[in-house]
Amino acid sequence: MHTRDMIAPAAQMMTAATPAWAVWRSRLASWFTRCADQWAAQATYEELSRLSDARLEQQGLCRDRLARALRE
């Protein structure tokens, strides 16, 4: 489960009366969340890329589609 799944989208949290600092804070939090998700995917990719092709197949992965599988 991604961190972004636990946080409501910024559009749902914002109203017309929301102060500018709150909008900025929400956007910053969204950016941090995306960075954390990308960092986690990259760390997982590095770990899985060290495995043999046979081991990847056991886990239902293919080396050719490894990066794409982690983005989903």
PDB file of N, CA and C in Angstrom:
ATOM      1  N   MET A   1       0.845  -1.173   0.000  1.00  0.00           N
ATOM      2  CA  MET A   1       0.000   0.000   0.000  1.00  0.00           C
ATOM      3  C   MET A   1       0.891   1.236   0.000  1.00  0.00           C
ATOM      4  N   HIS A   2       0.575   2.167  -0.870  1.00  0.00           N
ATOM      5  CA  HIS A   2       1.345   3.397  -0.958  1.00  0.00           C
ATOM      6  C   HIS A   2       0.886   4.389   0.097  1.00  0.00           C
ATOM      7  N   THR A   3       1.802   5.255   0.478  1.00  0.00           N
ATOM      8  CA  THR A   3       1.486   6.279   1.458  1.00  0.00           C
ATOM      9  C   THR A   3       0.373   7.181   0.937  1.00  0.00           C
ATOM     10  N   ARG A   4       0.389   7.443  -0.374  1.00  0.00           N
ATOM     11  CA  ARG A   4      -0.614   8.342  -0.932  1.00  0.00           C
ATOM     12  C   ARG A   4      -2.025   7.777  -0.806  1.00  0.00           C
ATOM     13  N   ASP A   5      -2.164   6.470  -0.637  1.00  0.00           N
ATOM     14  CA  ASP A   5      -3.480   5.866  -0.460  1.00  0.00           C
ATOM     15  C   ASP A   5      -4.070   6.195   0.903  1.00  0.00           C
ATOM     16  N   MET A   6      -3.230   6.578   1.848  1.00  0.00           N
ATOM     17  CA  MET A   6      -3.695   6.872   3.195  1.00  0.00           C
ATOM     18  C   MET A   6      -4.034   8.345   3.385  1.00  0.00           C
ATOM     19  N   ILE A   7      -3.625   9.203   2.441  1.00  0.00           N
ATOM     20  CA  ILE A   7      -3.828  10.643   2.552  1.00  0.00           C
ATOM     21  C   ILE A   7      -4.854  11.072   1.520  1.00  0.00           C
ATOM     22  N   ALA A   8      -5.821  11.877   1.926  1.00  0.00           N
ATOM     23  CA  ALA A   8      -6.829  12.368   0.986  1.00  0.00           C
ATOM     24  C   ALA A   8      -6.172  13.283  -0.037  1.00  0.00           C
ATOM     25  N   PRO A   9      -6.610  13.235  -1.290  1.00  0.00           N
ATOM     26  CA  PRO A   9      -6.065  14.129  -2.308  1.00  0.00           C
ATOM     27  C   PRO A   9      -6.253  15.589  -1.916  1.00  0.00           C
ATOM     28  N   ALA A  10      -5.349  16.425  -2.362  1.00  0.00           N
ATOM     29  CA  ALA A  10      -5.379  17.841  -2.005  1.00  0.00           C
ATOM     30  C   ALA A  10      -6.684  18.503  -2.419  1.00  0.00           C
ATOM     31  N   ALA A  11      -7.237  18.116  -3.555  1.00  0.00           N
ATOM     32  CA  ALA A  11      -8.482  18.721  -4.027  1.00  0.00           C
ATOM     33  C   ALA A  11      -9.634  18.459  -3.062  1.00  0.00           C
ATOM     34  N   GLN A  12      -9.629  17.315  -2.397  1.00  0.00           N
ATOM     35  CA  GLN A  12     -10.693  17.005  -1.450  1.00  0.00           C
ATOM     36  C   GLN A  12     -10.552  17.810  -0.170  1.00  0.00           C
ATOM     37  N   MET A  13      -9.342  18.172   0.187  1.00  0.00           N
ATOM     38  CA  MET A  13      -9.108  18.879   1.448  1.00  0.00           C
ATOM     39  C   MET A  13      -9.306  20.388   1.312  1.00  0.00           C
ATOM     40  N   MET A  14      -9.172  20.924   0.116  1.00  0.00           N
ATOM     41  CA  MET A  14      -9.195  22.358  -0.080  1.00  0.00           C
ATOM     42  C   MET A  14     -10.599  22.862  -0.383  1.00  0.00           C
ATOM     43  N   THR A  15     -10.923  24.038   0.151  1.00  0.00           N
ATOM     44  CA  THR A  15     -12.183  24.707  -0.149  1.00  0.00           C
ATOM     45  C   THR A  15     -11.846  26.111  -0.619  1.00  0.00           C
ATOM     46  N   ALA A  16     -12.839  26.851  -1.012  1.00  0.00           N
ATOM     47  CA  ALA A  16     -12.609  28.215  -1.494  1.00  0.00           C
ATOM     48  C   ALA A  16     -12.050  29.110  -0.389  1.00  0.00           C
ATOM     49  N   ALA A  17     -12.351  28.826   0.862  1.00  0.00           N
ATOM     50  CA  ALA A  17     -11.916  29.665   1.972  1.00  0.00           C
ATOM     51  C   ALA A  17     -10.583  29.211   2.564  1.00  0.00           C
ATOM     52  N   THR A  18      -9.931  28.241   1.965  1.00  0.00           N
ATOM     53  CA  THR A  18      -8.677  27.724   2.496  1.00  0.00           C
ATOM     54  C   THR A  18      -7.564  28.755   2.308  1.00  0.00           C
ATOM     55  N   PRO A  19      -6.797  29.041   3.354  1.00  0.00           N
ATOM     56  CA  PRO A  19      -5.691  29.991   3.235  1.00  0.00           C
ATOM     57  C   PRO A  19      -4.603  29.470   2.296  1.00  0.00           C
ATOM     58  N   ALA A  20      -3.863  30.372   1.708  1.00  0.00           N
ATOM     59  CA  ALA A  20      -2.813  30.020   0.747  1.00  0.00           C
ATOM     60  C   ALA A  20      -1.754  29.123   1.384  1.00  0.00           C
ATOM     61  N   TRP A  21      -1.410  29.366   2.641  1.00  0.00           N
ATOM     62  CA  TRP A  21      -0.387  28.543   3.295  1.00  0.00           C
ATOM     63  C   TRP A  21      -0.831  27.098   3.420  1.00  0.00           C
ATOM     64  N   ALA A  22      -2.131  26.868   3.597  1.00  0.00           N
ATOM     65  CA  ALA A  22      -2.640  25.502   3.713  1.00  0.00           C
ATOM     66  C   ALA A  22      -2.552  24.774   2.376  1.00  0.00           C
ATOM     67  N   VAL A  23      -2.806  25.501   1.294  1.00  0.00           N
ATOM     68  CA  VAL A  23      -2.678  24.920  -0.044  1.00  0.00           C
ATOM     69  C   VAL A  23      -1.219  24.560  -0.294  1.00  0.00           C
ATOM     70  N   TRP A  24      -0.329  25.478   0.037  1.00  0.00           N
ATOM     71  CA  TRP A  24       1.098  25.242  -0.152  1.00  0.00           C
ATOM     72  C   TRP A  24       1.555  24.040   0.676  1.00  0.00           C
ATOM     73  N   ARG A  25       1.100  23.965   1.913  1.00  0.00           N
ATOM     74  CA  ARG A  25       1.468  22.860   2.802  1.00  0.00           C
ATOM     75  C   ARG A  25       0.961  21.531   2.244  1.00  0.00           C
ATOM     76  N   SER A  26      -0.241  21.539   1.713  1.00  0.00           N
ATOM     77  CA  SER A  26      -0.815  20.323   1.133  1.00  0.00           C
ATOM     78  C   SER A  26      -0.018  19.871  -0.084  1.00  0.00           C
ATOM     79  N   ARG A  27       0.354  20.808  -0.932  1.00  0.00           N
ATOM     80  CA  ARG A  27       1.153  20.467  -2.113  1.00  0.00           C
ATOM     81  C   ARG A  27       2.530  19.943  -1.715  1.00  0.00           C
ATOM     82  N   LEU A  28       3.116  20.543  -0.702  1.00  0.00           N
ATOM     83  CA  LEU A  28       4.415  20.082  -0.218  1.00  0.00           C
ATOM     84  C   LEU A  28       4.308  18.672   0.347  1.00  0.00           C
ATOM     85  N   ALA A  29       3.257  18.404   1.090  1.00  0.00           N
ATOM     86  CA  ALA A  29       3.043  17.065   1.641  1.00  0.00           C
ATOM     87  C   ALA A  29       2.850  16.046   0.518  1.00  0.00           C
ATOM     88  N   SER A  30       2.130  16.418  -0.526  1.00  0.00           N
ATOM     89  CA  SER A  30       1.942  15.524  -1.676  1.00  0.00           C
ATOM     90  C   SER A  30       3.274  15.235  -2.357  1.00  0.00           C
ATOM     91  N   TRP A  31       4.105  16.260  -2.486  1.00  0.00           N
ATOM     92  CA  TRP A  31       5.421  16.089  -3.116  1.00  0.00           C
ATOM     93  C   TRP A  31       6.283  15.144  -2.279  1.00  0.00           C
ATOM     94  N   PHE A  32       6.293  15.329  -0.951  1.00  0.00           N
ATOM     95  CA  PHE A  32       7.054  14.440  -0.078  1.00  0.00           C
ATOM     96  C   PHE A  32       6.560  13.001  -0.187  1.00  0.00           C
ATOM     97  N   THR A  33       5.263  12.837  -0.297  1.00  0.00           N
ATOM     98  CA  THR A  33       4.679  11.504  -0.429  1.00  0.00           C
ATOM     99  C   THR A  33       5.140  10.839  -1.718  1.00  0.00           C
ATOM    100  N   ARG A  34       5.107  11.594  -2.828  1.00  0.00           N
ATOM    101  CA  ARG A  34       5.576  11.037  -4.103  1.00  0.00           C
ATOM    102  C   ARG A  34       7.053  10.669  -4.029  1.00  0.00           C
ATOM    103  N   CYS A  35       7.850  11.523  -3.405  1.00  0.00           N
ATOM    104  CA  CYS A  35       9.291  11.227  -3.259  1.00  0.00           C
ATOM    105  C   CYS A  35       9.498   9.953  -2.445  1.00  0.00           C
ATOM    106  N   ALA A  36       8.764   9.796  -1.370  1.00  0.00           N
ATOM    107  CA  ALA A  36       8.893   8.604  -0.523  1.00  0.00           C
ATOM    108  C   ALA A  36       8.499   7.349  -1.298  1.00  0.00           C
ATOM    109  N   ASP A  37       7.424   7.422  -2.081  1.00  0.00           N
ATOM    110  CA  ASP A  37       6.998   6.274  -2.877  1.00  0.00           C
ATOM    111  C   ASP A  37       8.042   5.906  -3.927  1.00  0.00           C
ATOM    112  N   GLN A  38       8.606   6.920  -4.579  1.00  0.00           N
ATOM    113  CA  GLN A  38       9.629   6.661  -5.590  1.00  0.00           C
ATOM    114  C   GLN A  38      10.896   6.093  -4.961  1.00  0.00           C
ATOM    115  N   TRP A  39      11.261   6.580  -3.791  1.00  0.00           N
ATOM    116  CA  TRP A  39      12.437   6.064  -3.102  1.00  0.00           C
ATOM    117  C   TRP A  39      12.232   4.601  -2.732  1.00  0.00           C
ATOM    118  N   ALA A  40      11.053   4.279  -2.238  1.00  0.00           N
ATOM    119  CA  ALA A  40      10.757   2.896  -1.865  1.00  0.00           C
ATOM    120  C   ALA A  40      10.767   1.976  -3.084  1.00  0.00           C
ATOM    121  N   ALA A  41      10.209   2.436  -4.195  1.00  0.00           N
ATOM    122  CA  ALA A  41      10.208   1.633  -5.423  1.00  0.00           C
ATOM    123  C   ALA A  41      11.634   1.417  -5.920  1.00  0.00           C
ATOM    124  N   GLN A  42      12.454   2.434  -5.824  1.00  0.00           N
ATOM    125  CA  GLN A  42      13.847   2.316  -6.271  1.00  0.00           C
ATOM    126  C   GLN A  42      14.614   1.340  -5.394  1.00  0.00           C
ATOM    127  N   ALA A  43      14.403   1.386  -4.096  1.00  0.00           N
ATOM    128  CA  ALA A  43      15.080   0.463  -3.185  1.00  0.00           C
ATOM    129  C   ALA A  43      14.637  -0.980  -3.446  1.00  0.00           C
ATOM    130  N   THR A  44      13.356  -1.165  -3.704  1.00  0.00           N
ATOM    131  CA  THR A  44      12.834  -2.503  -4.017  1.00  0.00           C
ATOM    132  C   THR A  44      13.407  -2.993  -5.330  1.00  0.00           C
ATOM    133  N   TYR A  45      13.508  -2.100  -6.327  1.00  0.00           N
ATOM    134  CA  TYR A  45      14.071  -2.474  -7.622  1.00  0.00           C
ATOM    135  C   TYR A  45      15.520  -2.946  -7.454  1.00  0.00           C
ATOM    136  N   GLU A  46      16.309  -2.199  -6.688  1.00  0.00           N
ATOM    137  CA  GLU A  46      17.701  -2.588  -6.477  1.00  0.00           C
ATOM    138  C   GLU A  46      17.797  -3.960  -5.818  1.00  0.00           C
ATOM    139  N   GLU A  47      16.931  -4.204  -4.862  1.00  0.00           N
ATOM    140  CA  GLU A  47      16.937  -5.493  -4.168  1.00  0.00           C
ATOM    141  C   GLU A  47      16.544  -6.632  -5.114  1.00  0.00           C
ATOM    142  N   LEU A  48      15.486  -6.431  -5.879  1.00  0.00           N
ATOM    143  CA  LEU A  48      15.009  -7.484  -6.781  1.00  0.00           C
ATOM    144  C   LEU A  48      15.920  -7.683  -7.991  1.00  0.00           C
ATOM    145  N   SER A  49      16.593  -6.635  -8.439  1.00  0.00           N
ATOM    146  CA  SER A  49      17.446  -6.758  -9.624  1.00  0.00           C
ATOM    147  C   SER A  49      18.663  -7.637  -9.354  1.00  0.00           C
ATOM    148  N   ARG A  50      18.988  -7.854  -8.094  1.00  0.00           N
ATOM    149  CA  ARG A  50      20.117  -8.718  -7.747  1.00  0.00           C
ATOM    150  C   ARG A  50      19.758 -10.201  -7.823  1.00  0.00           C
ATOM    151  N   LEU A  51      18.459 -10.521  -7.866  1.00  0.00           N
ATOM    152  CA  LEU A  51      18.024 -11.913  -7.891  1.00  0.00           C
ATOM    153  C   LEU A  51      18.237 -12.529  -9.274  1.00  0.00           C
ATOM    154  N   SER A  52      18.380 -13.839  -9.294  1.00  0.00           N
ATOM    155  CA  SER A  52      18.520 -14.553 -10.564  1.00  0.00           C
ATOM    156  C   SER A  52      17.180 -14.561 -11.297  1.00  0.00           C
ATOM    157  N   ASP A  53      17.238 -14.857 -12.603  1.00  0.00           N
ATOM    158  CA  ASP A  53      16.010 -14.926 -13.398  1.00  0.00           C
ATOM    159  C   ASP A  53      15.066 -15.994 -12.864  1.00  0.00           C
ATOM    160  N   ALA A  54      15.627 -17.124 -12.436  1.00  0.00           N
ATOM    161  CA  ALA A  54      14.800 -18.216 -11.912  1.00  0.00           C
ATOM    162  C   ALA A  54      14.073 -17.767 -10.634  1.00  0.00           C
ATOM    163  N   ARG A  55      14.768 -17.074  -9.766  1.00  0.00           N
ATOM    164  CA  ARG A  55      14.169 -16.604  -8.512  1.00  0.00           C
ATOM    165  C   ARG A  55      13.077 -15.561  -8.788  1.00  0.00           C
ATOM    166  N   LEU A  56      13.321 -14.679  -9.767  1.00  0.00           N
ATOM    167  CA  LEU A  56      12.310 -13.692 -10.132  1.00  0.00           C
ATOM    168  C   LEU A  56      11.056 -14.384 -10.666  1.00  0.00           C
ATOM    169  N   GLU A  57      11.256 -15.425 -11.475  1.00  0.00           N
ATOM    170  CA  GLU A  57      10.110 -16.168 -12.017  1.00  0.00           C
ATOM    171  C   GLU A  57       9.299 -16.811 -10.904  1.00  0.00           C
ATOM    172  N   GLN A  58       9.980 -17.296  -9.862  1.00  0.00           N
ATOM    173  CA  GLN A  58       9.275 -17.887  -8.720  1.00  0.00           C
ATOM    174  C   GLN A  58       8.361 -16.867  -8.059  1.00  0.00           C
ATOM    175  N   GLN A  59       8.758 -15.622  -8.112  1.00  0.00           N
ATOM    176  CA  GLN A  59       7.969 -14.556  -7.499  1.00  0.00           C
ATOM    177  C   GLN A  59       6.981 -13.939  -8.483  1.00  0.00           C
ATOM    178  N   GLY A  60       6.916 -14.504  -9.679  1.00  0.00           N
ATOM    179  CA  GLY A  60       5.966 -14.018 -10.673  1.00  0.00           C
ATOM    180  C   GLY A  60       6.407 -12.762 -11.386  1.00  0.00           C
ATOM    181  N   LEU A  61       7.710 -12.524 -11.420  1.00  0.00           N
ATOM    182  CA  LEU A  61       8.243 -11.330 -12.071  1.00  0.00           C
ATOM    183  C   LEU A  61       9.151 -11.718 -13.227  1.00  0.00           C
ATOM    184  N   CYS A  62       9.323 -10.801 -14.143  1.00  0.00           N
ATOM    185  CA  CYS A  62      10.217 -10.994 -15.285  1.00  0.00           C
ATOM    186  C   CYS A  62      11.209  -9.833 -15.276  1.00  0.00           C
ATOM    187  N   ARG A  63      12.476 -10.115 -15.515  1.00  0.00           N
ATOM    188  CA  ARG A  63      13.490  -9.065 -15.479  1.00  0.00           C
ATOM    189  C   ARG A  63      13.164  -7.934 -16.455  1.00  0.00           C
ATOM    190  N   ASP A  64      12.604  -8.286 -17.612  1.00  0.00           N
ATOM    191  CA  ASP A  64      12.283  -7.275 -18.623  1.00  0.00           C
ATOM    192  C   ASP A  64      11.218  -6.299 -18.140  1.00  0.00           C
ATOM    193  N   ARG A  65      10.320  -6.759 -17.275  1.00  0.00           N
ATOM    194  CA  ARG A  65       9.208  -5.919 -16.823  1.00  0.00           C
ATOM    195  C   ARG A  65       9.307  -5.567 -15.344  1.00  0.00           C
ATOM    196  N   LEU A  66      10.475  -5.711 -14.769  1.00  0.00           N
ATOM    197  CA  LEU A  66      10.648  -5.478 -13.338  1.00  0.00           C
ATOM    198  C   LEU A  66      10.330  -4.050 -12.931  1.00  0.00           C
ATOM    199  N   ALA A  67      10.901  -3.082 -13.626  1.00  0.00           N
ATOM    200  CA  ALA A  67      10.675  -1.670 -13.272  1.00  0.00           C
ATOM    201  C   ALA A  67       9.208  -1.310 -13.435  1.00  0.00           C
ATOM    202  N   ARG A  68       8.568  -1.767 -14.511  1.00  0.00           N
ATOM    203  CA  ARG A  68       7.165  -1.461 -14.745  1.00  0.00           C
ATOM    204  C   ARG A  68       6.285  -2.071 -13.651  1.00  0.00           C
ATOM    205  N   ALA A  69       6.614  -3.268 -13.231  1.00  0.00           N
ATOM    206  CA  ALA A  69       5.833  -3.935 -12.181  1.00  0.00           C
ATOM    207  C   ALA A  69       5.896  -3.167 -10.863  1.00  0.00           C
ATOM    208  N   LEU A  70       7.021  -2.541 -10.583  1.00  0.00           N
ATOM    209  CA  LEU A  70       7.162  -1.789  -9.327  1.00  0.00           C
ATOM    210  C   LEU A  70       6.437  -0.460  -9.378  1.00  0.00           C
ATOM    211  N   ARG A  71       6.264   0.111 -10.560  1.00  0.00           N
ATOM    212  CA  ARG A  71       5.554   1.378 -10.674  1.00  0.00           C
ATOM    213  C   ARG A  71       4.057   1.209 -10.491  1.00  0.00           C
ATOM    214  N   GLU A  72       3.544   0.022 -10.720  1.00  0.00           N
ATOM    215  CA  GLU A  72       2.098  -0.215 -10.642  1.00  0.00           C
ATOM    216  C   GLU A  72       1.622  -0.375  -9.222  1.00  0.00           C
TER     217      GLU A  72
END
